[in-house]
C-alpha cells in the first residue's frame, strides 16, 4: 500500500509502505474511513524534532475493522471503530485510574496516514460506534481520536464547571475544540485567545463569548481587565511553548486550574513563581480512551459537531498539501480520505 512518509523538514512523500498485518493475537487491522494531519505533526515537519530516517506519519484514525487477532474478544470485523493515538490494555493500574495514555503496556500508533493501520491491544484501545455512521458524521468521529479527546482532557484537567470563566490559549484545532468543550461543560464565559479572523469566527460558533488578540504579558493584562483583575477560573493551554504556558498560568486566578495539553517545546517553569501563583497544574498526553464512549454518544446524538475544525479535505495521496496548508496557516486542520 502507499502512505505518508516524512523524509526530512517539509519533505512528506506518499509512497510505498508495507501493508500492516496482525503481529500479535491482540491486534486489529482497521481500514481507514478518514485520517488527518495533526498540529503536533508539524513539530516533526518543521524540523523542530530531528528526523534521522524516513518516518511513517499519522496518529488519528477511524474506520472499519477488517481483521482481528485470535485473542480479541470485544471488537469484530465490520464494526466502525475509533481509537486513541496510544494503544492501551485498559486493565493496568494506570488505565484503571483513568490514564490509558500512561498504560504500562502502551504503544504509540504513528503510521495512520495510510489506507490501513494496525492497532495493538485492540480490546482496550478501540471503541465501536452503535451503527455504521454516515459519511457526513465521519469528520466529527475522527476528531475524537485526538483533537476533541485532547481538548476534553484540557477542560477536564482545568476543572471547567458550570457558570465559570474559562480562557483558552491557542486557536489551533485543539484550542478551538477546547472552546466547544468548555461550552458543553457549562462555562458561562469563554475567552478565546486568537489573532485570526476565520478562527475567531469558529471560536464564536463553538461558544466563545470574548476574543483576546493580544499575546504574552499583553494578553494576560487583557484577561485580567476582562475579569476584574482576578483572572480566569480555568485556563486551557493548547500550544506548548514557553509563552503560551506562562500566559496560561498568569491568566489564572488564585486557586484556579490550568489544563495543559500542548506538547511542550522549550517550556521551563520557575519554582518560585509557581509557588506564589497558587494555581493547579494538570495535563500531559490526553487519556483519550477514557472519554471515547461519552464523546461518541455526544456526536451520534447530535450534541456536538467537532468535525467543523476540518476546513480542508483532500484525498490521501495529496497529504503533502495538507501539511503545507497547515504549516502556512492556510488551514486549521486537514482531513484526508483514502
C-alpha atoms as a PDB file:
ATOM      1  CA  UNK A   1       0.000   0.000   0.000  1.00  0.00           C
ATOM      2  CA  UNK A   2       1.017   3.647  -0.169  1.00  0.00           C
ATOM      3  CA  UNK A   3       1.140   6.002   2.808  1.00  0.00           C
ATOM      4  CA  UNK A   4       2.682   9.201   4.146  1.00  0.00           C
ATOM      5  CA  UNK A   5       6.389   9.142   4.971  1.00  0.00           C
ATOM      6  CA  UNK A   6       8.368  12.101   6.333  1.00  0.00           C
ATOM      7  CA  UNK A   7      11.934  12.165   4.967  1.00  0.00           C
ATOM      8  CA  UNK A   8      13.078  15.462   6.463  1.00  0.00           C
ATOM      9  CA  UNK A   9      11.937  19.019   7.147  1.00  0.00           C
ATOM     10  CA  UNK A  10       8.958  19.834   4.906  1.00  0.00           C
ATOM     11  CA  UNK A  11       9.516  16.670   2.855  1.00  0.00           C
ATOM     12  CA  UNK A  12       6.410  14.475   3.096  1.00  0.00           C
ATOM     13  CA  UNK A  13       6.000  11.821   0.415  1.00  0.00           C
ATOM     14  CA  UNK A  14       3.134   9.485  -0.390  1.00  0.00           C
ATOM     15  CA  UNK A  15       4.973   6.294  -1.210  1.00  0.00           C
ATOM     16  CA  UNK A  16       5.039   2.526  -0.942  1.00  0.00           C
ATOM     17  CA  UNK A  17       4.925   1.100   2.571  1.00  0.00           C
ATOM     18  CA  UNK A  18       4.358  -2.406   3.801  1.00  0.00           C
ATOM     19  CA  UNK A  19       0.682  -3.112   4.408  1.00  0.00           C
ATOM     20  CA  UNK A  20       0.052  -3.888   8.086  1.00  0.00           C
ATOM     21  CA  UNK A  21      -0.575  -7.446   9.221  1.00  0.00           C
ATOM     22  CA  UNK A  22      -1.527  -8.989  12.535  1.00  0.00           C
ATOM     23  CA  UNK A  23       1.639  -9.218  14.617  1.00  0.00           C
ATOM     24  CA  UNK A  24       0.172 -10.186  17.984  1.00  0.00           C
ATOM     25  CA  UNK A  25      -3.066 -12.009  18.827  1.00  0.00           C
ATOM     26  CA  UNK A  26      -4.328  -8.791  20.489  1.00  0.00           C
ATOM     27  CA  UNK A  27      -4.037  -6.748  17.255  1.00  0.00           C
ATOM     28  CA  UNK A  28      -6.696  -5.476  14.863  1.00  0.00           C
ATOM     29  CA  UNK A  29      -6.390  -4.171  11.308  1.00  0.00           C
ATOM     30  CA  UNK A  30      -8.592  -1.148  10.542  1.00  0.00           C
ATOM     31  CA  UNK A  31      -9.387   0.160   7.063  1.00  0.00           C
ATOM     32  CA  UNK A  32      -9.419   3.923   7.274  1.00  0.00           C
ATOM     33  CA  UNK A  33     -12.623   5.890   6.696  1.00  0.00           C
ATOM     34  CA  UNK A  34     -10.595   9.052   7.263  1.00  0.00           C
ATOM     35  CA  UNK A  35      -7.357  10.230   8.788  1.00  0.00           C
ATOM     36  CA  UNK A  36      -5.795  13.685   9.104  1.00  0.00           C
ATOM     37  CA  UNK A  37      -2.800  15.876   9.820  1.00  0.00           C
ATOM     38  CA  UNK A  38      -2.295  16.895  13.450  1.00  0.00           C
ATOM     39  CA  UNK A  39      -0.828  20.157  14.674  1.00  0.00           C
ATOM     40  CA  UNK A  40       1.710  18.110  16.640  1.00  0.00           C
ATOM     41  CA  UNK A  41       2.864  16.535  13.344  1.00  0.00           C
ATOM     42  CA  UNK A  42       4.152  19.976  12.407  1.00  0.00           C
ATOM     43  CA  UNK A  43       6.897  19.796  15.043  1.00  0.00           C
ATOM     44  CA  UNK A  44       8.444  16.959  13.009  1.00  0.00           C
ATOM     45  CA  UNK A  45       7.508  18.517   9.674  1.00  0.00           C
ATOM     46  CA  UNK A  46       9.260  21.786  10.536  1.00  0.00           C
ATOM     47  CA  UNK A  47      12.382  20.013  11.725  1.00  0.00           C
ATOM     48  CA  UNK A  48      11.988  21.002  15.376  1.00  0.00           C
ATOM     49  CA  UNK A  49      12.146  17.289  16.195  1.00  0.00           C
ATOM     50  CA  UNK A  50      15.076  15.653  14.413  1.00  0.00           C
ATOM     51  CA  UNK A  51      14.213  13.056  11.754  1.00  0.00           C
ATOM     52  CA  UNK A  52      17.127  10.648  11.308  1.00  0.00           C
ATOM     53  CA  UNK A  53      15.418   8.233   8.911  1.00  0.00           C
ATOM     54  CA  UNK A  54      12.202   8.079   6.852  1.00  0.00           C
ATOM     55  CA  UNK A  55       9.275   8.083   9.261  1.00  0.00           C
ATOM     56  CA  UNK A  56       5.677   6.935   8.594  1.00  0.00           C
ATOM     57  CA  UNK A  57       3.229   9.534   9.849  1.00  0.00           C
ATOM     58  CA  UNK A  58      -0.266   9.823  11.311  1.00  0.00           C
ATOM     59  CA  UNK A  59      -1.890   9.045  14.653  1.00  0.00           C
ATOM     60  CA  UNK A  60      -5.583   9.882  14.160  1.00  0.00           C
ATOM     61  CA  UNK A  61      -7.881   7.279  12.685  1.00  0.00           C
ATOM     62  CA  UNK A  62     -11.348   5.827  12.416  1.00  0.00           C
ATOM     63  CA  UNK A  63     -12.759   3.181  10.132  1.00  0.00           C
ATOM     64  CA  UNK A  64     -13.966  -0.367   9.620  1.00  0.00           C
ATOM     65  CA  UNK A  65     -12.343  -3.345  11.315  1.00  0.00           C
ATOM     66  CA  UNK A  66     -11.023  -5.741   8.674  1.00  0.00           C
ATOM     67  CA  UNK A  67      -9.331  -8.403  10.783  1.00  0.00           C
ATOM     68  CA  UNK A  68      -8.679  -9.191  14.436  1.00  0.00           C
ATOM     69  CA  UNK A  69      -6.239 -11.429  16.253  1.00  0.00           C
ATOM     70  CA  UNK A  70      -7.399 -14.620  17.923  1.00  0.00           C
ATOM     71  CA  UNK A  71      -7.246 -13.046  21.414  1.00  0.00           C
ATOM     72  CA  UNK A  72      -9.509 -10.097  20.545  1.00  0.00           C
ATOM     73  CA  UNK A  73     -12.985 -10.554  22.015  1.00  0.00           C
ATOM     74  CA  UNK A  74     -14.821  -7.207  22.125  1.00  0.00           C
ATOM     75  CA  UNK A  75     -14.035  -5.882  18.636  1.00  0.00           C
ATOM     76  CA  UNK A  76     -15.276  -7.633  15.499  1.00  0.00           C
ATOM     77  CA  UNK A  77     -14.705  -7.292  11.757  1.00  0.00           C
ATOM     78  CA  UNK A  78     -17.248  -4.989  10.155  1.00  0.00           C
ATOM     79  CA  UNK A  79     -17.556  -2.611  13.111  1.00  0.00           C
ATOM     80  CA  UNK A  80     -16.841   1.108  12.748  1.00  0.00           C
ATOM     81  CA  UNK A  81     -14.289   1.994  15.405  1.00  0.00           C
ATOM     82  CA  UNK A  82     -12.327   4.917  16.822  1.00  0.00           C
ATOM     83  CA  UNK A  83      -9.147   4.617  18.846  1.00  0.00           C
ATOM     84  CA  UNK A  84      -6.556   6.722  20.589  1.00  0.00           C
ATOM     85  CA  UNK A  85      -3.057   7.563  19.420  1.00  0.00           C
ATOM     86  CA  UNK A  86      -1.807   5.437  22.341  1.00  0.00           C
ATOM     87  CA  UNK A  87      -2.870   1.814  22.323  1.00  0.00           C
ATOM     88  CA  UNK A  88      -3.659   0.653  25.849  1.00  0.00           C
ATOM     89  CA  UNK A  89      -4.809  -2.537  27.525  1.00  0.00           C
ATOM     90  CA  UNK A  90      -7.401  -0.616  29.598  1.00  0.00           C
ATOM     91  CA  UNK A  91      -6.758  -3.012  32.510  1.00  0.00           C
ATOM     92  CA  UNK A  92      -3.418  -1.974  34.081  1.00  0.00           C
ATOM     93  CA  UNK A  93      -3.380   0.203  37.237  1.00  0.00           C
ATOM     94  CA  UNK A  94      -2.782   3.383  35.236  1.00  0.00           C
ATOM     95  CA  UNK A  95      -5.654   2.614  32.876  1.00  0.00           C
ATOM     96  CA  UNK A  96      -7.973   1.808  35.766  1.00  0.00           C
ATOM     97  CA  UNK A  97      -7.027   5.145  37.332  1.00  0.00           C
ATOM     98  CA  UNK A  98      -8.210   6.888  34.144  1.00  0.00           C
ATOM     99  CA  UNK A  99      -4.887   7.329  32.346  1.00  0.00           C
ATOM    100  CA  UNK A 100      -4.748   4.884  29.432  1.00  0.00           C
ATOM    101  CA  UNK A 101      -2.260   7.197  27.688  1.00  0.00           C
ATOM    102  CA  UNK A 102       0.066   6.189  30.526  1.00  0.00           C
ATOM    103  CA  UNK A 103      -0.719   2.481  30.201  1.00  0.00           C
ATOM    104  CA  UNK A 104       2.082   0.234  31.397  1.00  0.00           C
ATOM    105  CA  UNK A 105       1.902  -1.566  28.037  1.00  0.00           C
ATOM    106  CA  UNK A 106       1.095   1.391  25.797  1.00  0.00           C
ATOM    107  CA  UNK A 107       2.188   1.551  22.184  1.00  0.00           C
ATOM    108  CA  UNK A 108       2.171   4.710  20.081  1.00  0.00           C
ATOM    109  CA  UNK A 109       0.263   4.488  16.820  1.00  0.00           C
ATOM    110  CA  UNK A 110       2.178   6.680  14.396  1.00  0.00           C
ATOM    111  CA  UNK A 111       1.537   5.339  10.898  1.00  0.00           C
ATOM    112  CA  UNK A 112      -2.153   6.077  10.334  1.00  0.00           C
ATOM    113  CA  UNK A 113      -1.868   8.365   7.282  1.00  0.00           C
ATOM    114  CA  UNK A 114      -2.469   5.337   5.096  1.00  0.00           C
ATOM    115  CA  UNK A 115      -5.384   3.184   3.916  1.00  0.00           C
ATOM    116  CA  UNK A 116      -4.835   0.600   6.692  1.00  0.00           C
ATOM    117  CA  UNK A 117      -3.490   0.702  10.226  1.00  0.00           C
ATOM    118  CA  UNK A 118      -2.566  -1.983  12.746  1.00  0.00           C
ATOM    119  CA  UNK A 119      -3.986  -1.239  16.188  1.00  0.00           C
ATOM    120  CA  UNK A 120      -2.285  -3.106  19.058  1.00  0.00           C
ATOM    121  CA  UNK A 121      -4.238  -4.015  22.203  1.00  0.00           C
ATOM    122  CA  UNK A 122      -7.454  -3.708  20.205  1.00  0.00           C
ATOM    123  CA  UNK A 123      -9.835  -4.663  23.010  1.00  0.00           C
ATOM    124  CA  UNK A 124      -8.523  -1.888  25.249  1.00  0.00           C
ATOM    125  CA  UNK A 125      -7.950   0.718  22.553  1.00  0.00           C
ATOM    126  CA  UNK A 126     -10.841   0.655  20.089  1.00  0.00           C
ATOM    127  CA  UNK A 127     -14.421   1.724  20.753  1.00  0.00           C
ATOM    128  CA  UNK A 128     -17.154   0.826  18.271  1.00  0.00           C
ATOM    129  CA  UNK A 129     -19.984   3.155  17.291  1.00  0.00           C
ATOM    130  CA  UNK A 130     -23.562   1.866  17.729  1.00  0.00           C
ATOM    131  CA  UNK A 131     -24.042   1.667  13.963  1.00  0.00           C
ATOM    132  CA  UNK A 132     -22.094   2.380  10.794  1.00  0.00           C
ATOM    133  CA  UNK A 133     -22.154   6.204  10.698  1.00  0.00           C
ATOM    134  CA  UNK A 134     -22.994   8.352   7.719  1.00  0.00           C
ATOM    135  CA  UNK A 135     -20.160   9.859   5.703  1.00  0.00           C
ATOM    136  CA  UNK A 136     -21.169  13.291   6.997  1.00  0.00           C
ATOM    137  CA  UNK A 137     -20.535  12.173  10.571  1.00  0.00           C
ATOM    138  CA  UNK A 138     -17.064  10.785   9.861  1.00  0.00           C
ATOM    139  CA  UNK A 139     -15.144  14.070  10.440  1.00  0.00           C
ATOM    140  CA  UNK A 140     -16.620  14.524  13.906  1.00  0.00           C
ATOM    141  CA  UNK A 141     -15.888  10.915  14.845  1.00  0.00           C
ATOM    142  CA  UNK A 142     -12.339  11.207  13.515  1.00  0.00           C
ATOM    143  CA  UNK A 143     -11.814  14.306  15.672  1.00  0.00           C
ATOM    144  CA  UNK A 144     -12.483  12.190  18.765  1.00  0.00           C
ATOM    145  CA  UNK A 145      -9.352  10.095  18.184  1.00  0.00           C
ATOM    146  CA  UNK A 146      -7.151  13.017  19.201  1.00  0.00           C
ATOM    147  CA  UNK A 147      -8.055  16.699  18.981  1.00  0.00           C
ATOM    148  CA  UNK A 148     -11.505  16.517  20.569  1.00  0.00           C
ATOM    149  CA  UNK A 149     -10.370  13.968  23.146  1.00  0.00           C
ATOM    150  CA  UNK A 150      -7.341  16.117  23.901  1.00  0.00           C
ATOM    151  CA  UNK A 151      -9.436  19.268  24.205  1.00  0.00           C
ATOM    152  CA  UNK A 152     -11.862  17.440  26.505  1.00  0.00           C
ATOM    153  CA  UNK A 153      -8.950  16.415  28.716  1.00  0.00           C
ATOM    154  CA  UNK A 154      -7.693  20.007  28.791  1.00  0.00           C
ATOM    155  CA  UNK A 155     -11.095  21.180  30.006  1.00  0.00           C
ATOM    156  CA  UNK A 156     -11.405  18.291  32.464  1.00  0.00           C
ATOM    157  CA  UNK A 157      -7.895  18.911  33.835  1.00  0.00           C
ATOM    158  CA  UNK A 158      -8.699  22.628  34.137  1.00  0.00           C
ATOM    159  CA  UNK A 159     -11.751  21.768  36.245  1.00  0.00           C
ATOM    160  CA  UNK A 160     -14.216  23.550  33.955  1.00  0.00           C
ATOM    161  CA  UNK A 161     -17.555  23.804  35.741  1.00  0.00           C
ATOM    162  CA  UNK A 162     -20.973  25.356  35.009  1.00  0.00           C
ATOM    163  CA  UNK A 163     -21.038  29.107  35.474  1.00  0.00           C
ATOM    164  CA  UNK A 164     -17.263  29.536  35.493  1.00  0.00           C
ATOM    165  CA  UNK A 165     -14.929  31.727  33.429  1.00  0.00           C
ATOM    166  CA  UNK A 166     -12.582  29.893  31.056  1.00  0.00           C
ATOM    167  CA  UNK A 167      -9.636  31.101  28.969  1.00  0.00           C
ATOM    168  CA  UNK A 168      -8.373  29.076  26.005  1.00  0.00           C
ATOM    169  CA  UNK A 169      -4.771  29.721  24.934  1.00  0.00           C
ATOM    170  CA  UNK A 170      -4.265  28.600  21.334  1.00  0.00           C
ATOM    171  CA  UNK A 171      -6.510  28.747  18.269  1.00  0.00           C
ATOM    172  CA  UNK A 172      -5.444  25.550  16.522  1.00  0.00           C
ATOM    173  CA  UNK A 173      -7.828  22.621  16.307  1.00  0.00           C
ATOM    174  CA  UNK A 174      -7.336  21.636  19.961  1.00  0.00           C
ATOM    175  CA  UNK A 175      -7.790  25.189  21.211  1.00  0.00           C
ATOM    176  CA  UNK A 176     -10.931  25.745  19.165  1.00  0.00           C
ATOM    177  CA  UNK A 177     -12.359  22.458  20.370  1.00  0.00           C
ATOM    178  CA  UNK A 178     -11.386  23.492  23.886  1.00  0.00           C
ATOM    179  CA  UNK A 179     -13.916  26.293  23.457  1.00  0.00           C
ATOM    180  CA  UNK A 180     -16.532  23.724  22.404  1.00  0.00           C
ATOM    181  CA  UNK A 181     -15.683  21.538  25.420  1.00  0.00           C
ATOM    182  CA  UNK A 182     -15.927  24.459  27.847  1.00  0.00           C
ATOM    183  CA  UNK A 183     -19.324  25.339  26.397  1.00  0.00           C
ATOM    184  CA  UNK A 184     -20.514  21.736  26.656  1.00  0.00           C
ATOM    185  CA  UNK A 185     -19.353  21.620  30.282  1.00  0.00           C
ATOM    186  CA  UNK A 186     -21.409  24.685  31.116  1.00  0.00           C
ATOM    187  CA  UNK A 187     -18.879  27.516  31.314  1.00  0.00           C
ATOM    188  CA  UNK A 188     -20.594  30.892  31.434  1.00  0.00           C
ATOM    189  CA  UNK A 189     -17.776  32.983  29.974  1.00  0.00           C
ATOM    190  CA  UNK A 190     -15.243  31.651  27.479  1.00  0.00           C
ATOM    191  CA  UNK A 191     -12.339  33.863  26.419  1.00  0.00           C
ATOM    192  CA  UNK A 192     -10.580  32.617  23.288  1.00  0.00           C
ATOM    193  CA  UNK A 193      -7.134  33.984  22.510  1.00  0.00           C
ATOM    194  CA  UNK A 194      -6.791  34.294  18.738  1.00  0.00           C
ATOM    195  CA  UNK A 195      -5.444  36.685  16.122  1.00  0.00           C
ATOM    196  CA  UNK A 196      -7.001  35.046  13.075  1.00  0.00           C
ATOM    197  CA  UNK A 197     -10.436  36.110  11.805  1.00  0.00           C
ATOM    198  CA  UNK A 198     -11.543  32.699  10.486  1.00  0.00           C
ATOM    199  CA  UNK A 199     -10.538  31.014  13.726  1.00  0.00           C
ATOM    200  CA  UNK A 200     -12.200  33.721  15.802  1.00  0.00           C
ATOM    201  CA  UNK A 201     -15.400  33.093  13.868  1.00  0.00           C
ATOM    202  CA  UNK A 202     -15.292  29.365  14.578  1.00  0.00           C
ATOM    203  CA  UNK A 203     -14.488  30.066  18.227  1.00  0.00           C
ATOM    204  CA  UNK A 204     -17.672  32.154  18.420  1.00  0.00           C
ATOM    205  CA  UNK A 205     -19.644  29.331  16.755  1.00  0.00           C
ATOM    206  CA  UNK A 206     -18.306  26.921  19.383  1.00  0.00           C
ATOM    207  CA  UNK A 207     -19.316  29.235  22.237  1.00  0.00           C
ATOM    208  CA  UNK A 208     -16.635  31.864  22.849  1.00  0.00           C
ATOM    209  CA  UNK A 209     -18.035  34.994  24.487  1.00  0.00           C
ATOM    210  CA  UNK A 210     -14.851  37.093  24.179  1.00  0.00           C
ATOM    211  CA  UNK A 211     -11.847  37.207  21.870  1.00  0.00           C
ATOM    212  CA  UNK A 212      -8.422  38.405  23.003  1.00  0.00           C
ATOM    213  CA  UNK A 213      -5.940  39.137  20.230  1.00  0.00           C
ATOM    214  CA  UNK A 214      -3.026  40.094  22.469  1.00  0.00           C
ATOM    215  CA  UNK A 215      -0.328  37.600  23.447  1.00  0.00           C
ATOM    216  CA  UNK A 216       2.202  37.243  26.233  1.00  0.00           C
ATOM    217  CA  UNK A 217       2.081  39.830  29.002  1.00  0.00           C
ATOM    218  CA  UNK A 218      -0.324  41.971  26.975  1.00  0.00           C
ATOM    219  CA  UNK A 219      -2.659  39.006  26.637  1.00  0.00           C
ATOM    220  CA  UNK A 220      -2.510  38.374  30.379  1.00  0.00           C
ATOM    221  CA  UNK A 221      -3.264  42.038  31.074  1.00  0.00           C
ATOM    222  CA  UNK A 222      -6.290  41.899  28.770  1.00  0.00           C
ATOM    223  CA  UNK A 223      -7.639  38.779  30.501  1.00  0.00           C
ATOM    224  CA  UNK A 224      -7.181  40.441  33.879  1.00  0.00           C
ATOM    225  CA  UNK A 225      -9.018  43.516  32.580  1.00  0.00           C
ATOM    226  CA  UNK A 226     -11.919  41.359  31.377  1.00  0.00           C
ATOM    227  CA  UNK A 227     -12.124  39.524  34.711  1.00  0.00           C
ATOM    228  CA  UNK A 228     -11.930  42.468  37.089  1.00  0.00           C
ATOM    229  CA  UNK A 229      -8.204  41.908  37.693  1.00  0.00           C
ATOM    230  CA  UNK A 230      -8.942  38.444  39.140  1.00  0.00           C
ATOM    231  CA  UNK A 231      -8.125  36.033  36.325  1.00  0.00           C
ATOM    232  CA  UNK A 232      -9.981  33.015  34.987  1.00  0.00           C
ATOM    233  CA  UNK A 233     -11.234  30.050  36.987  1.00  0.00           C
ATOM    234  CA  UNK A 234      -9.930  27.632  34.358  1.00  0.00           C
ATOM    235  CA  UNK A 235      -7.336  28.011  31.604  1.00  0.00           C
ATOM    236  CA  UNK A 236      -6.693  25.561  28.773  1.00  0.00           C
ATOM    237  CA  UNK A 237      -3.131  25.641  27.407  1.00  0.00           C
ATOM    238  CA  UNK A 238      -3.224  24.175  23.902  1.00  0.00           C
ATOM    239  CA  UNK A 239       0.062  25.230  22.280  1.00  0.00           C
ATOM    240  CA  UNK A 240       3.146  24.006  24.137  1.00  0.00           C
ATOM    241  CA  UNK A 241       5.530  26.962  24.020  1.00  0.00           C
ATOM    242  CA  UNK A 242       7.115  28.900  26.869  1.00  0.00           C
ATOM    243  CA  UNK A 243       4.993  31.943  26.048  1.00  0.00           C
ATOM    244  CA  UNK A 244       1.722  30.036  25.917  1.00  0.00           C
ATOM    245  CA  UNK A 245       2.374  28.199  29.185  1.00  0.00           C
ATOM    246  CA  UNK A 246       3.261  31.352  31.072  1.00  0.00           C
ATOM    247  CA  UNK A 247       0.323  33.160  29.510  1.00  0.00           C
ATOM    248  CA  UNK A 248      -1.925  30.385  30.798  1.00  0.00           C
ATOM    249  CA  UNK A 249      -0.529  30.342  34.329  1.00  0.00           C
ATOM    250  CA  UNK A 250      -0.558  34.122  34.679  1.00  0.00           C
ATOM    251  CA  UNK A 251      -4.139  34.366  33.367  1.00  0.00           C
ATOM    252  CA  UNK A 252      -5.416  32.062  36.120  1.00  0.00           C
ATOM    253  CA  UNK A 253      -6.897  33.332  39.368  1.00  0.00           C
ATOM    254  CA  UNK A 254      -5.538  32.249  42.730  1.00  0.00           C
ATOM    255  CA  UNK A 255      -6.788  28.719  43.327  1.00  0.00           C
ATOM    256  CA  UNK A 256      -7.710  28.284  39.659  1.00  0.00           C
ATOM    257  CA  UNK A 257      -6.770  25.431  37.358  1.00  0.00           C
ATOM    258  CA  UNK A 258      -4.613  25.116  34.243  1.00  0.00           C
ATOM    259  CA  UNK A 259      -5.094  22.124  31.960  1.00  0.00           C
ATOM    260  CA  UNK A 260      -2.100  21.854  29.642  1.00  0.00           C
ATOM    261  CA  UNK A 261      -2.125  19.614  26.576  1.00  0.00           C
ATOM    262  CA  UNK A 262       0.176  21.415  24.130  1.00  0.00           C
ATOM    263  CA  UNK A 263       3.200  19.176  23.515  1.00  0.00           C
ATOM    264  CA  UNK A 264       5.915  21.180  25.320  1.00  0.00           C
ATOM    265  CA  UNK A 265       8.894  22.504  23.417  1.00  0.00           C
ATOM    266  CA  UNK A 266      11.365  24.590  25.419  1.00  0.00           C
ATOM    267  CA  UNK A 267       8.991  25.063  28.365  1.00  0.00           C
ATOM    268  CA  UNK A 268      10.683  25.775  31.707  1.00  0.00           C
ATOM    269  CA  UNK A 269       8.798  26.749  34.850  1.00  0.00           C
ATOM    270  CA  UNK A 270      10.099  28.920  37.664  1.00  0.00           C
ATOM    271  CA  UNK A 271       9.516  27.260  41.012  1.00  0.00           C
ATOM    272  CA  UNK A 272       9.156  30.500  42.964  1.00  0.00           C
ATOM    273  CA  UNK A 273       6.590  31.909  40.540  1.00  0.00           C
ATOM    274  CA  UNK A 274       4.575  28.684  40.692  1.00  0.00           C
ATOM    275  CA  UNK A 275       4.769  28.678  44.480  1.00  0.00           C
ATOM    276  CA  UNK A 276       3.184  32.108  44.779  1.00  0.00           C
ATOM    277  CA  UNK A 277       0.764  31.698  41.871  1.00  0.00           C
ATOM    278  CA  UNK A 278      -1.464  29.297  43.827  1.00  0.00           C
ATOM    279  CA  UNK A 279      -2.655  27.562  40.639  1.00  0.00           C
ATOM    280  CA  UNK A 280      -3.361  23.897  39.995  1.00  0.00           C
ATOM    281  CA  UNK A 281      -1.458  22.440  37.022  1.00  0.00           C
ATOM    282  CA  UNK A 282      -2.506  19.202  35.366  1.00  0.00           C
ATOM    283  CA  UNK A 283      -2.022  17.862  31.863  1.00  0.00           C
ATOM    284  CA  UNK A 284       0.025  15.644  29.605  1.00  0.00           C
ATOM    285  CA  UNK A 285      -0.802  13.222  26.790  1.00  0.00           C
ATOM    286  CA  UNK A 286      -4.584  13.049  26.769  1.00  0.00           C
ATOM    287  CA  UNK A 287      -6.187   9.839  28.060  1.00  0.00           C
ATOM    288  CA  UNK A 288      -8.461   9.828  25.011  1.00  0.00           C
ATOM    289  CA  UNK A 289      -9.701   6.265  25.531  1.00  0.00           C
ATOM    290  CA  UNK A 290     -11.283   7.309  28.853  1.00  0.00           C
ATOM    291  CA  UNK A 291     -13.527   9.827  27.103  1.00  0.00           C
ATOM    292  CA  UNK A 292     -14.373   7.990  23.859  1.00  0.00           C
ATOM    293  CA  UNK A 293     -17.683   6.383  24.946  1.00  0.00           C
ATOM    294  CA  UNK A 294     -19.089   9.706  26.182  1.00  0.00           C
ATOM    295  CA  UNK A 295     -17.834  11.671  23.189  1.00  0.00           C
ATOM    296  CA  UNK A 296     -19.131   9.116  20.674  1.00  0.00           C
ATOM    297  CA  UNK A 297     -22.528   9.386  22.342  1.00  0.00           C
ATOM    298  CA  UNK A 298     -22.467  13.194  22.103  1.00  0.00           C
ATOM    299  CA  UNK A 299     -21.571  13.092  18.396  1.00  0.00           C
ATOM    300  CA  UNK A 300     -24.048  10.359  17.469  1.00  0.00           C
ATOM    301  CA  UNK A 301     -26.838  12.204  19.281  1.00  0.00           C
ATOM    302  CA  UNK A 302     -26.039  15.486  17.527  1.00  0.00           C
ATOM    303  CA  UNK A 303     -24.975  17.302  20.694  1.00  0.00           C
ATOM    304  CA  UNK A 304     -21.561  18.338  19.346  1.00  0.00           C
ATOM    305  CA  UNK A 305     -20.016  18.719  15.896  1.00  0.00           C
ATOM    306  CA  UNK A 306     -16.235  18.839  16.383  1.00  0.00           C
ATOM    307  CA  UNK A 307     -15.717  17.992  12.716  1.00  0.00           C
ATOM    308  CA  UNK A 308     -16.104  21.705  11.952  1.00  0.00           C
ATOM    309  CA  UNK A 309     -12.392  22.137  12.686  1.00  0.00           C
ATOM    310  CA  UNK A 310     -11.607  20.379   9.412  1.00  0.00           C
ATOM    311  CA  UNK A 311     -11.563  23.218   6.935  1.00  0.00           C
ATOM    312  CA  UNK A 312      -9.606  21.385   4.238  1.00  0.00           C
ATOM    313  CA  UNK A 313     -10.441  17.953   2.814  1.00  0.00           C
ATOM    314  CA  UNK A 314      -8.025  16.191   0.491  1.00  0.00           C
ATOM    315  CA  UNK A 315      -7.523  12.742  -0.984  1.00  0.00           C
ATOM    316  CA  UNK A 316      -4.931  10.839   0.995  1.00  0.00           C
ATOM    317  CA  UNK A 317      -2.433  10.925  -1.859  1.00  0.00           C
ATOM    318  CA  UNK A 318      -2.323  14.739  -1.501  1.00  0.00           C
ATOM    319  CA  UNK A 319      -1.195  14.511   2.123  1.00  0.00           C
ATOM    320  CA  UNK A 320       1.817  16.754   1.437  1.00  0.00           C
ATOM    321  CA  UNK A 321      -0.524  19.631   0.576  1.00  0.00           C
ATOM    322  CA  UNK A 322      -2.320  19.066   3.877  1.00  0.00           C
ATOM    323  CA  UNK A 323       0.946  19.569   5.721  1.00  0.00           C
ATOM    324  CA  UNK A 324       1.823  22.650   3.674  1.00  0.00           C
ATOM    325  CA  UNK A 325      -1.578  24.242   4.232  1.00  0.00           C
ATOM    326  CA  UNK A 326      -1.413  23.765   7.987  1.00  0.00           C
ATOM    327  CA  UNK A 327       2.226  24.833   8.181  1.00  0.00           C
ATOM    328  CA  UNK A 328       1.361  28.058   6.314  1.00  0.00           C
ATOM    329  CA  UNK A 329      -1.806  28.509   8.424  1.00  0.00           C
ATOM    330  CA  UNK A 330      -3.999  28.333   5.341  1.00  0.00           C
ATOM    331  CA  UNK A 331      -5.911  25.558   7.082  1.00  0.00           C
ATOM    332  CA  UNK A 332      -6.824  24.799  10.689  1.00  0.00           C
ATOM    333  CA  UNK A 333      -6.839  21.056  10.134  1.00  0.00           C
ATOM    334  CA  UNK A 334      -6.625  18.895   7.015  1.00  0.00           C
ATOM    335  CA  UNK A 335      -8.821  15.793   6.693  1.00  0.00           C
ATOM    336  CA  UNK A 336      -7.569  13.016   4.420  1.00  0.00           C
ATOM    337  CA  UNK A 337      -9.839  10.474   2.741  1.00  0.00           C
ATOM    338  CA  UNK A 338      -8.267   7.302   1.314  1.00  0.00           C
END
